[in-house]
Amino acid sequence: MGGKMYLIPANTKRGSLIFNLFTKFDLIVLGSGLGITLLMIFVLSPNNLTMTFIILGPGLLSAFLVTPIPNYHNVMTVITSLIMFLTGRRNYIWKGWCLYEQEKEDGKK
C-alpha cells in the first residue's frame, strides 16, 4: 500500500453548517420571513384571527421551509428535489440485451 489512507467521519457536512443545521441561504430565507412578519406587525393591526394568520404567515412559512428533517437537509430541499424529479428529463439506461431473429427466405422463423 503506497498511498495514504484517511478516515473521514460520516458527519463532515454538518461541521460546515451554521449551528450544524443551516446554510447561509437558509438563514437568509428565515431572516427575510421573520423580517417581513415584524414589518407587518408594526404596519398592520392584527384585530381578528384572519389578519393574525396573514401577518404571521411569512415567518411561519419560512420557519417551516428551513426545518431540518431526517435523510434530507430541510423541507426546502425535499420540495426542490421533488420538483426537479417531476419536471426533469428522465434517462433510462438499458443494461440488458435484445434478441432479434431474422426470418428465413420461405417466411418461417
N, C-alpha and C. Protein backbone atom coordinates (compact mmCIF):
# COMPACT_ATOMS: atom_id res chain seq x y z
N MET A 1 0.85 -1.18 0.00
CA MET A 1 0.00 0.00 0.00
C MET A 1 0.89 1.23 0.00
N GLY A 2 0.99 1.86 -1.15
CA GLY A 2 1.87 3.00 -1.26
C GLY A 2 1.19 4.32 -0.88
N GLY A 3 -0.16 4.41 -1.01
CA GLY A 3 -0.84 5.68 -0.76
C GLY A 3 -1.26 5.83 0.69
N LYS A 4 -1.57 7.05 1.05
CA LYS A 4 -2.05 7.32 2.40
C LYS A 4 -3.54 7.05 2.47
N MET A 5 -3.98 6.58 3.60
CA MET A 5 -5.41 6.34 3.81
C MET A 5 -5.91 7.32 4.86
N TYR A 6 -7.08 7.89 4.60
CA TYR A 6 -7.67 8.84 5.52
C TYR A 6 -9.02 8.31 5.99
N LEU A 7 -9.29 8.51 7.25
CA LEU A 7 -10.57 8.12 7.82
C LEU A 7 -11.42 9.39 7.91
N ILE A 8 -12.52 9.42 7.16
CA ILE A 8 -13.37 10.61 7.12
C ILE A 8 -14.67 10.27 7.85
N PRO A 9 -15.01 11.04 8.87
CA PRO A 9 -16.25 10.76 9.60
C PRO A 9 -17.47 11.01 8.73
N ALA A 10 -18.58 10.37 9.06
CA ALA A 10 -19.80 10.45 8.25
C ALA A 10 -20.49 11.80 8.37
N ASN A 11 -20.22 12.55 9.41
CA ASN A 11 -20.93 13.81 9.63
C ASN A 11 -20.08 15.02 9.28
N THR A 12 -19.24 14.94 8.27
CA THR A 12 -18.37 16.07 7.95
C THR A 12 -19.14 17.26 7.41
N LYS A 13 -20.27 17.05 6.74
CA LYS A 13 -21.03 18.17 6.21
C LYS A 13 -21.64 19.01 7.31
N ARG A 14 -22.06 18.39 8.37
CA ARG A 14 -22.69 19.13 9.46
C ARG A 14 -21.73 20.14 10.08
N GLY A 15 -20.44 19.85 10.06
CA GLY A 15 -19.48 20.77 10.63
C GLY A 15 -19.33 22.04 9.82
N SER A 16 -19.70 22.02 8.55
CA SER A 16 -19.60 23.21 7.71
C SER A 16 -20.85 24.07 7.75
N LEU A 17 -21.89 23.63 8.45
CA LEU A 17 -23.14 24.37 8.53
C LEU A 17 -23.14 25.30 9.74
N ILE A 18 -23.91 26.36 9.67
CA ILE A 18 -24.04 27.30 10.78
C ILE A 18 -24.95 26.66 11.83
N PHE A 19 -24.50 26.60 13.05
CA PHE A 19 -25.18 25.90 14.16
C PHE A 19 -25.39 24.43 13.83
N ASN A 20 -24.58 23.88 12.94
CA ASN A 20 -24.66 22.49 12.47
C ASN A 20 -26.01 22.15 11.83
N LEU A 21 -26.79 23.16 11.44
CA LEU A 21 -28.10 22.93 10.85
C LEU A 21 -28.38 23.74 9.60
N PHE A 22 -27.88 24.97 9.51
CA PHE A 22 -28.32 25.90 8.49
C PHE A 22 -27.19 26.32 7.56
N THR A 23 -27.55 26.53 6.28
CA THR A 23 -26.63 27.16 5.35
C THR A 23 -26.92 28.66 5.37
N LYS A 24 -26.10 29.43 4.67
CA LYS A 24 -26.34 30.88 4.61
C LYS A 24 -27.68 31.18 3.95
N PHE A 25 -28.00 30.44 2.90
CA PHE A 25 -29.28 30.66 2.22
C PHE A 25 -30.46 30.37 3.15
N ASP A 26 -30.35 29.33 3.98
CA ASP A 26 -31.43 29.01 4.93
C ASP A 26 -31.65 30.17 5.90
N LEU A 27 -30.56 30.75 6.39
CA LEU A 27 -30.69 31.86 7.33
C LEU A 27 -31.23 33.11 6.64
N ILE A 28 -30.90 33.30 5.36
CA ILE A 28 -31.45 34.44 4.62
C ILE A 28 -32.96 34.27 4.45
N VAL A 29 -33.40 33.05 4.11
CA VAL A 29 -34.84 32.79 3.96
C VAL A 29 -35.55 33.00 5.29
N LEU A 30 -35.00 32.46 6.37
CA LEU A 30 -35.62 32.60 7.69
C LEU A 30 -35.63 34.06 8.13
N GLY A 31 -34.53 34.76 7.96
CA GLY A 31 -34.47 36.17 8.35
C GLY A 31 -35.42 37.03 7.54
N SER A 32 -35.55 36.75 6.25
CA SER A 32 -36.47 37.51 5.40
C SER A 32 -37.91 37.30 5.85
N GLY A 33 -38.28 36.06 6.09
CA GLY A 33 -39.64 35.77 6.54
C GLY A 33 -39.96 36.41 7.87
N LEU A 34 -39.03 36.32 8.80
CA LEU A 34 -39.26 36.93 10.12
C LEU A 34 -39.26 38.46 10.03
N GLY A 35 -38.42 39.01 9.16
CA GLY A 35 -38.38 40.47 8.97
C GLY A 35 -39.68 40.99 8.38
N ILE A 36 -40.20 40.28 7.39
CA ILE A 36 -41.48 40.69 6.78
C ILE A 36 -42.59 40.59 7.81
N THR A 37 -42.56 39.55 8.63
CA THR A 37 -43.58 39.40 9.67
C THR A 37 -43.50 40.54 10.68
N LEU A 38 -42.29 40.90 11.11
CA LEU A 38 -42.15 42.02 12.05
C LEU A 38 -42.63 43.33 11.43
N LEU A 39 -42.30 43.55 10.18
CA LEU A 39 -42.74 44.76 9.49
C LEU A 39 -44.26 44.81 9.41
N MET A 40 -44.87 43.67 9.10
CA MET A 40 -46.33 43.61 9.01
C MET A 40 -46.99 43.80 10.36
N ILE A 41 -46.34 43.36 11.44
CA ILE A 41 -46.90 43.56 12.78
C ILE A 41 -46.98 45.05 13.10
N PHE A 42 -45.93 45.80 12.71
CA PHE A 42 -45.92 47.23 13.00
C PHE A 42 -46.84 48.03 12.08
N VAL A 43 -46.99 47.59 10.83
CA VAL A 43 -47.79 48.35 9.87
C VAL A 43 -49.27 48.01 9.98
N LEU A 44 -49.59 46.73 10.08
CA LEU A 44 -50.99 46.30 10.13
C LEU A 44 -51.40 46.01 11.56
N SER A 45 -52.67 46.09 11.82
CA SER A 45 -53.16 45.77 13.17
C SER A 45 -53.85 44.41 13.14
N PRO A 46 -53.36 43.48 13.95
CA PRO A 46 -53.99 42.14 13.98
C PRO A 46 -55.26 42.16 14.84
N ASN A 47 -56.35 42.69 14.28
CA ASN A 47 -57.57 42.83 15.08
C ASN A 47 -58.49 41.62 15.01
N ASN A 48 -58.26 40.69 14.06
CA ASN A 48 -59.06 39.46 14.04
C ASN A 48 -58.14 38.27 13.71
N LEU A 49 -58.69 37.10 13.77
CA LEU A 49 -57.89 35.89 13.61
C LEU A 49 -57.34 35.76 12.19
N THR A 50 -58.12 36.11 11.20
CA THR A 50 -57.65 36.03 9.81
C THR A 50 -56.47 36.95 9.57
N MET A 51 -56.55 38.16 10.08
CA MET A 51 -55.46 39.12 9.91
C MET A 51 -54.22 38.65 10.66
N THR A 52 -54.38 38.01 11.78
CA THR A 52 -53.24 37.48 12.54
C THR A 52 -52.51 36.41 11.75
N PHE A 53 -53.26 35.51 11.10
CA PHE A 53 -52.63 34.46 10.28
C PHE A 53 -51.93 35.06 9.07
N ILE A 54 -52.51 36.09 8.48
CA ILE A 54 -51.87 36.75 7.34
C ILE A 54 -50.56 37.40 7.77
N ILE A 55 -50.57 38.04 8.93
CA ILE A 55 -49.36 38.70 9.42
C ILE A 55 -48.28 37.69 9.79
N LEU A 56 -48.65 36.61 10.44
CA LEU A 56 -47.67 35.61 10.87
C LEU A 56 -47.27 34.64 9.76
N GLY A 57 -47.97 34.68 8.63
CA GLY A 57 -47.73 33.75 7.53
C GLY A 57 -46.30 33.69 7.03
N PRO A 58 -45.67 34.82 6.66
CA PRO A 58 -44.30 34.74 6.14
C PRO A 58 -43.30 34.14 7.12
N GLY A 59 -43.41 34.47 8.39
CA GLY A 59 -42.49 33.91 9.39
C GLY A 59 -42.70 32.42 9.60
N LEU A 60 -43.97 32.01 9.66
CA LEU A 60 -44.26 30.59 9.83
C LEU A 60 -43.85 29.78 8.61
N LEU A 61 -44.08 30.32 7.42
CA LEU A 61 -43.71 29.62 6.20
C LEU A 61 -42.20 29.47 6.08
N SER A 62 -41.47 30.54 6.36
CA SER A 62 -40.01 30.44 6.27
C SER A 62 -39.44 29.51 7.34
N ALA A 63 -40.02 29.51 8.53
CA ALA A 63 -39.56 28.59 9.57
C ALA A 63 -39.85 27.14 9.17
N PHE A 64 -41.00 26.89 8.53
CA PHE A 64 -41.33 25.55 8.07
C PHE A 64 -40.36 25.09 6.99
N LEU A 65 -39.99 25.99 6.06
CA LEU A 65 -39.10 25.61 4.96
C LEU A 65 -37.69 25.25 5.43
N VAL A 66 -37.21 25.85 6.48
CA VAL A 66 -35.84 25.57 6.93
C VAL A 66 -35.79 24.57 8.08
N THR A 67 -36.92 23.96 8.40
CA THR A 67 -36.95 22.94 9.45
C THR A 67 -36.18 21.70 9.01
N PRO A 68 -35.18 21.28 9.79
CA PRO A 68 -34.42 20.08 9.41
C PRO A 68 -35.27 18.82 9.53
N ILE A 69 -35.07 17.90 8.57
CA ILE A 69 -35.76 16.62 8.61
C ILE A 69 -34.75 15.51 8.31
N PRO A 70 -35.01 14.29 8.75
CA PRO A 70 -34.07 13.19 8.51
C PRO A 70 -33.95 12.84 7.03
N ASN A 71 -32.77 12.40 6.63
CA ASN A 71 -32.44 11.95 5.27
C ASN A 71 -32.41 13.07 4.24
N TYR A 72 -32.75 14.27 4.60
CA TYR A 72 -32.65 15.44 3.73
C TYR A 72 -32.09 16.57 4.59
N HIS A 73 -31.73 17.68 3.96
CA HIS A 73 -31.22 18.80 4.73
C HIS A 73 -32.37 19.50 5.45
N ASN A 74 -33.40 19.88 4.70
CA ASN A 74 -34.58 20.51 5.29
C ASN A 74 -35.77 20.36 4.34
N VAL A 75 -36.89 20.94 4.71
CA VAL A 75 -38.11 20.80 3.92
C VAL A 75 -37.93 21.44 2.54
N MET A 76 -37.21 22.56 2.48
CA MET A 76 -36.99 23.23 1.20
C MET A 76 -36.23 22.32 0.24
N THR A 77 -35.28 21.55 0.74
CA THR A 77 -34.54 20.60 -0.09
C THR A 77 -35.44 19.50 -0.62
N VAL A 78 -36.36 19.01 0.20
CA VAL A 78 -37.30 17.97 -0.24
C VAL A 78 -38.20 18.51 -1.36
N ILE A 79 -38.71 19.73 -1.18
CA ILE A 79 -39.58 20.31 -2.20
C ILE A 79 -38.81 20.53 -3.50
N THR A 80 -37.57 21.03 -3.39
CA THR A 80 -36.74 21.24 -4.58
C THR A 80 -36.46 19.93 -5.29
N SER A 81 -36.12 18.88 -4.54
CA SER A 81 -35.86 17.57 -5.14
C SER A 81 -37.11 17.01 -5.81
N LEU A 82 -38.25 17.20 -5.20
CA LEU A 82 -39.50 16.70 -5.77
C LEU A 82 -39.83 17.42 -7.07
N ILE A 83 -39.65 18.73 -7.10
CA ILE A 83 -39.92 19.49 -8.32
C ILE A 83 -38.95 19.08 -9.42
N MET A 84 -37.67 18.93 -9.09
CA MET A 84 -36.68 18.51 -10.09
C MET A 84 -37.00 17.12 -10.63
N PHE A 85 -37.48 16.22 -9.76
CA PHE A 85 -37.82 14.87 -10.20
C PHE A 85 -39.03 14.88 -11.13
N LEU A 86 -40.04 15.65 -10.77
CA LEU A 86 -41.27 15.65 -11.55
C LEU A 86 -41.14 16.40 -12.87
N THR A 87 -40.29 17.42 -12.92
CA THR A 87 -40.18 18.22 -14.14
C THR A 87 -38.94 17.90 -14.96
N GLY A 88 -37.99 17.18 -14.39
CA GLY A 88 -36.74 16.90 -15.09
C GLY A 88 -36.89 15.77 -16.10
N ARG A 89 -35.95 15.72 -17.00
CA ARG A 89 -35.95 14.66 -18.00
C ARG A 89 -35.38 13.39 -17.39
N ARG A 90 -36.04 12.30 -17.66
CA ARG A 90 -35.58 11.02 -17.13
C ARG A 90 -34.82 10.27 -18.21
N ASN A 91 -33.72 9.72 -17.85
CA ASN A 91 -32.87 8.96 -18.77
C ASN A 91 -32.85 7.52 -18.27
N TYR A 92 -33.46 6.65 -19.01
CA TYR A 92 -33.48 5.25 -18.62
C TYR A 92 -32.40 4.52 -19.41
N ILE A 93 -31.47 3.95 -18.73
CA ILE A 93 -30.35 3.26 -19.37
C ILE A 93 -30.64 1.77 -19.37
N TRP A 94 -30.63 1.18 -20.54
CA TRP A 94 -30.91 -0.25 -20.68
C TRP A 94 -29.61 -1.01 -20.53
N LYS A 95 -29.57 -1.92 -19.56
CA LYS A 95 -28.38 -2.74 -19.35
C LYS A 95 -28.74 -4.20 -19.56
N GLY A 96 -29.38 -4.48 -20.64
CA GLY A 96 -29.78 -5.84 -20.93
C GLY A 96 -29.34 -6.21 -22.33
N TRP A 97 -30.10 -7.04 -22.97
CA TRP A 97 -29.77 -7.42 -24.34
C TRP A 97 -31.07 -7.58 -25.12
N CYS A 98 -30.95 -7.52 -26.41
CA CYS A 98 -32.09 -7.71 -27.30
C CYS A 98 -31.75 -8.86 -28.25
N LEU A 99 -32.73 -9.67 -28.50
CA LEU A 99 -32.54 -10.80 -29.38
C LEU A 99 -33.46 -10.63 -30.58
N TYR A 100 -32.88 -10.51 -31.73
CA TYR A 100 -33.64 -10.38 -32.96
C TYR A 100 -33.44 -11.64 -33.78
N GLU A 101 -34.54 -12.24 -34.20
CA GLU A 101 -34.46 -13.41 -35.07
C GLU A 101 -34.81 -12.98 -36.48
N GLN A 102 -33.99 -13.33 -37.41
CA GLN A 102 -34.27 -12.98 -38.79
C GLN A 102 -35.12 -14.08 -39.42
N GLU A 103 -36.07 -13.68 -40.23
CA GLU A 103 -36.93 -14.65 -40.89
C GLU A 103 -36.16 -15.29 -42.04
N LYS A 104 -36.43 -16.58 -42.23
CA LYS A 104 -35.82 -17.27 -43.36
C LYS A 104 -36.51 -16.86 -44.64
N GLU A 105 -35.94 -17.21 -45.73
CA GLU A 105 -36.47 -16.77 -47.01
C GLU A 105 -37.85 -17.35 -47.32
N ASP A 106 -38.20 -18.48 -46.72
CA ASP A 106 -39.51 -19.06 -47.03
C ASP A 106 -40.62 -18.49 -46.12
N GLY A 107 -40.26 -17.51 -45.28
CA GLY A 107 -41.28 -16.85 -44.46
C GLY A 107 -41.45 -17.46 -43.10
N LYS A 108 -40.75 -18.53 -42.77
CA LYS A 108 -40.85 -19.14 -41.44
C LYS A 108 -39.66 -18.72 -40.59
N LYS A 109 -39.87 -18.77 -39.33
CA LYS A 109 -38.77 -18.45 -38.41
C LYS A 109 -37.87 -19.64 -38.22
